[in-house]
Amino acid sequence: MHLNWVLAIEDNPSDAILLQYALEGAISPLQLKCVKDGEEAINLLSDLTADHKPLPDVILVDLNLPRLDGYEVLSRLRANDDYRHVALLVLTSSGSAAERQRALSQGADGFFTKPFDLDAYRCLPRIIGETCQARDQRLQSAAAAALHGSP
């Protein structure tokens, strides 16, 4: 899989290290930037947009974040047309079906329950690929709806 870069919004340093470990070698070339909360992520993305710099291909969003939680990040990103091409993958320690449904309804393209086992993180590149496919399908559906005059 080839991605230009990935943004991770993760406040737990141990989880950030696990993300780095899981993605090294699987995504080429790996450019992973981590920020610690949703507000920092929104500010970074706003700056990139204002400076006409490349946005990440995928944003990994933890749900339980300080200052601005993952649900609010999802809502803000999906409300802004500048970020419609960015795939959003929720990362959370909760396997709750309600949280999964809420995240997907607020614009997430994928959902990944953080494993407690280091080796289980190795499936993350596959999940990112599936998330990018879901984003592509979302964009195609939106384009088809616009072509046929549907909202």
Protein backbone atom coordinates (compact mmCIF):
# COMPACT_ATOMS: atom_id res chain seq x y z
CA MET A 1 0.00 0.00 0.00
CA HIS A 2 1.28 3.46 -0.84
CA LEU A 3 0.18 6.48 1.18
CA ASN A 4 1.84 9.87 1.24
CA TRP A 5 1.33 10.31 4.95
CA VAL A 6 -0.80 9.39 7.94
CA LEU A 7 -1.89 11.57 10.85
CA ALA A 8 -2.55 9.85 14.17
CA ILE A 9 -4.50 11.63 16.90
CA GLU A 10 -3.41 9.63 19.93
CA ASP A 11 -2.86 10.89 23.47
CA ASN A 12 -1.31 7.69 24.81
CA PRO A 13 2.45 7.58 24.07
CA SER A 14 2.51 3.76 24.29
CA ASP A 15 -0.26 3.46 21.70
CA ALA A 16 1.55 5.95 19.44
CA ILE A 17 4.66 3.74 19.58
CA LEU A 18 2.56 0.66 18.77
CA LEU A 19 1.07 2.47 15.76
CA GLN A 20 4.54 3.34 14.52
CA TYR A 21 5.66 -0.26 14.99
CA ALA A 22 2.60 -1.68 13.23
CA LEU A 23 2.95 0.59 10.21
CA GLU A 24 6.72 0.45 9.66
CA GLY A 25 7.49 -1.47 6.51
CA ALA A 26 3.83 -2.10 5.72
CA ILE A 27 3.08 1.35 4.37
CA SER A 28 5.75 2.71 2.11
CA PRO A 29 7.08 5.26 2.54
CA LEU A 30 5.84 5.68 6.08
CA GLN A 31 5.30 9.25 7.13
CA LEU A 32 3.40 9.15 10.39
CA LYS A 33 2.79 12.29 12.39
CA CYS A 34 1.24 12.00 15.84
CA VAL A 35 -0.61 14.73 17.71
CA LYS A 36 -1.94 14.40 21.25
CA ASP A 37 -5.46 15.80 21.06
CA GLY A 38 -8.26 16.72 18.73
CA GLU A 39 -7.75 20.46 19.00
CA GLU A 40 -4.10 20.13 17.97
CA ALA A 41 -5.19 17.98 15.01
CA ILE A 42 -7.82 20.46 13.83
CA ASN A 43 -5.31 23.32 14.12
CA LEU A 44 -2.68 21.36 12.16
CA LEU A 45 -5.15 20.48 9.41
CA SER A 46 -6.38 24.08 9.21
CA ASP A 47 -2.80 25.30 8.85
CA LEU A 48 -2.07 22.75 6.12
CA THR A 49 -5.20 23.77 4.23
CA ALA A 50 -4.43 27.49 4.57
CA ASP A 51 -0.86 26.94 3.34
CA HIS A 52 -2.04 24.68 0.48
CA LYS A 53 0.09 21.80 1.79
CA PRO A 54 -0.80 18.14 1.29
CA LEU A 55 -3.32 16.68 3.70
CA PRO A 56 -2.88 13.21 5.14
CA ASP A 57 -4.32 10.30 3.21
CA VAL A 58 -5.62 8.78 6.43
CA ILE A 59 -6.31 10.17 9.88
CA LEU A 60 -6.30 7.70 12.76
CA VAL A 61 -8.66 9.11 15.39
CA ASP A 62 -8.71 7.95 18.99
CA LEU A 63 -12.15 8.55 20.49
CA ASN A 64 -11.07 9.37 24.03
CA LEU A 65 -8.98 12.50 23.60
CA PRO A 66 -8.40 15.52 25.80
CA ARG A 67 -9.72 18.97 24.86
CA LEU A 68 -11.65 17.79 21.77
CA ASP A 69 -12.80 14.18 21.64
CA GLY A 70 -12.73 11.92 18.61
CA TYR A 71 -16.44 12.27 17.89
CA GLU A 72 -16.11 16.05 17.66
CA VAL A 73 -13.05 15.65 15.42
CA LEU A 74 -15.06 13.38 13.10
CA SER A 75 -17.95 15.83 12.99
CA ARG A 76 -15.74 18.83 12.26
CA LEU A 77 -13.78 17.06 9.55
CA ARG A 78 -16.85 15.71 7.78
CA ALA A 79 -18.53 19.12 7.98
CA ASN A 80 -15.61 20.68 6.09
CA ASP A 81 -15.46 19.89 2.37
CA ASP A 82 -11.66 20.38 2.38
CA TYR A 83 -11.29 17.03 4.15
CA ARG A 84 -13.79 14.91 2.17
CA HIS A 85 -10.95 12.98 0.46
CA VAL A 86 -9.25 12.08 3.74
CA ALA A 87 -10.02 8.61 5.09
CA LEU A 88 -10.92 8.57 8.78
CA LEU A 89 -10.18 5.47 10.84
CA VAL A 90 -11.31 5.39 14.46
CA LEU A 91 -8.96 3.70 16.92
CA THR A 92 -10.38 2.90 20.32
CA SER A 93 -9.94 0.45 23.16
CA SER A 94 -13.71 -0.02 23.26
CA GLY A 95 -15.32 -2.73 21.19
CA SER A 96 -18.79 -1.31 21.86
CA ALA A 97 -21.20 -1.71 18.95
CA ALA A 98 -22.87 1.57 19.95
CA GLU A 99 -19.57 3.46 19.79
CA ARG A 100 -18.79 1.87 16.43
CA GLN A 101 -22.18 2.88 15.03
CA ARG A 102 -21.88 6.41 16.42
CA ALA A 103 -18.37 6.84 14.93
CA LEU A 104 -19.48 5.55 11.53
CA SER A 105 -22.58 7.76 11.56
CA GLN A 106 -20.38 10.78 12.32
CA GLY A 107 -18.22 10.17 9.28
CA ALA A 108 -15.63 7.52 10.12
CA ASP A 109 -14.72 5.30 7.19
CA GLY A 110 -13.44 2.52 9.43
CA PHE A 111 -13.22 1.34 13.03
CA PHE A 112 -10.36 -0.50 14.74
CA THR A 113 -10.48 -1.80 18.28
CA LYS A 114 -7.01 -1.44 19.76
CA PRO A 115 -5.69 -4.85 20.70
CA PHE A 116 -3.81 -5.52 23.90
CA ASP A 117 -1.42 -7.77 21.99
CA LEU A 118 1.45 -6.16 20.09
CA ASP A 119 1.26 -8.73 17.27
CA ALA A 120 -2.45 -8.01 16.75
CA TYR A 121 -1.51 -4.49 15.67
CA ARG A 122 0.03 -6.03 12.55
CA CYS A 123 -3.42 -6.17 10.94
CA LEU A 124 -3.62 -2.36 11.08
CA PRO A 125 -2.21 -1.83 7.55
CA ARG A 126 -4.96 -4.09 6.16
CA ILE A 127 -7.58 -2.14 8.14
CA ILE A 128 -6.16 1.14 6.78
CA GLY A 129 -6.44 -0.26 3.25
CA GLU A 130 -10.07 -1.24 3.86
CA THR A 131 -10.72 2.22 5.31
CA CYS A 132 -9.32 3.85 2.17
CA GLN A 133 -11.59 1.63 0.06
CA ALA A 134 -14.58 2.69 2.17
CA ARG A 135 -13.60 6.33 1.64
CA ASP A 136 -13.41 5.74 -2.13
CA GLN A 137 -16.87 4.15 -2.10
CA ARG A 138 -18.23 7.07 -0.07
CA LEU A 139 -16.81 9.56 -2.57
CA GLN A 140 -18.16 7.58 -5.55
CA SER A 141 -21.61 7.44 -3.97
CA ALA A 142 -21.56 11.18 -3.33
CA ALA A 143 -20.47 11.87 -6.90
CA ALA A 144 -23.21 9.62 -8.29
CA ALA A 145 -25.83 11.29 -6.08
CA ALA A 146 -24.67 14.73 -7.23
CA LEU A 147 -24.80 13.62 -10.86
CA HIS A 148 -28.37 12.41 -10.43
CA GLY A 149 -29.45 15.48 -8.46
CA SER A 150 -29.81 13.73 -5.10
CA PRO A 151 -28.68 15.53 -1.94
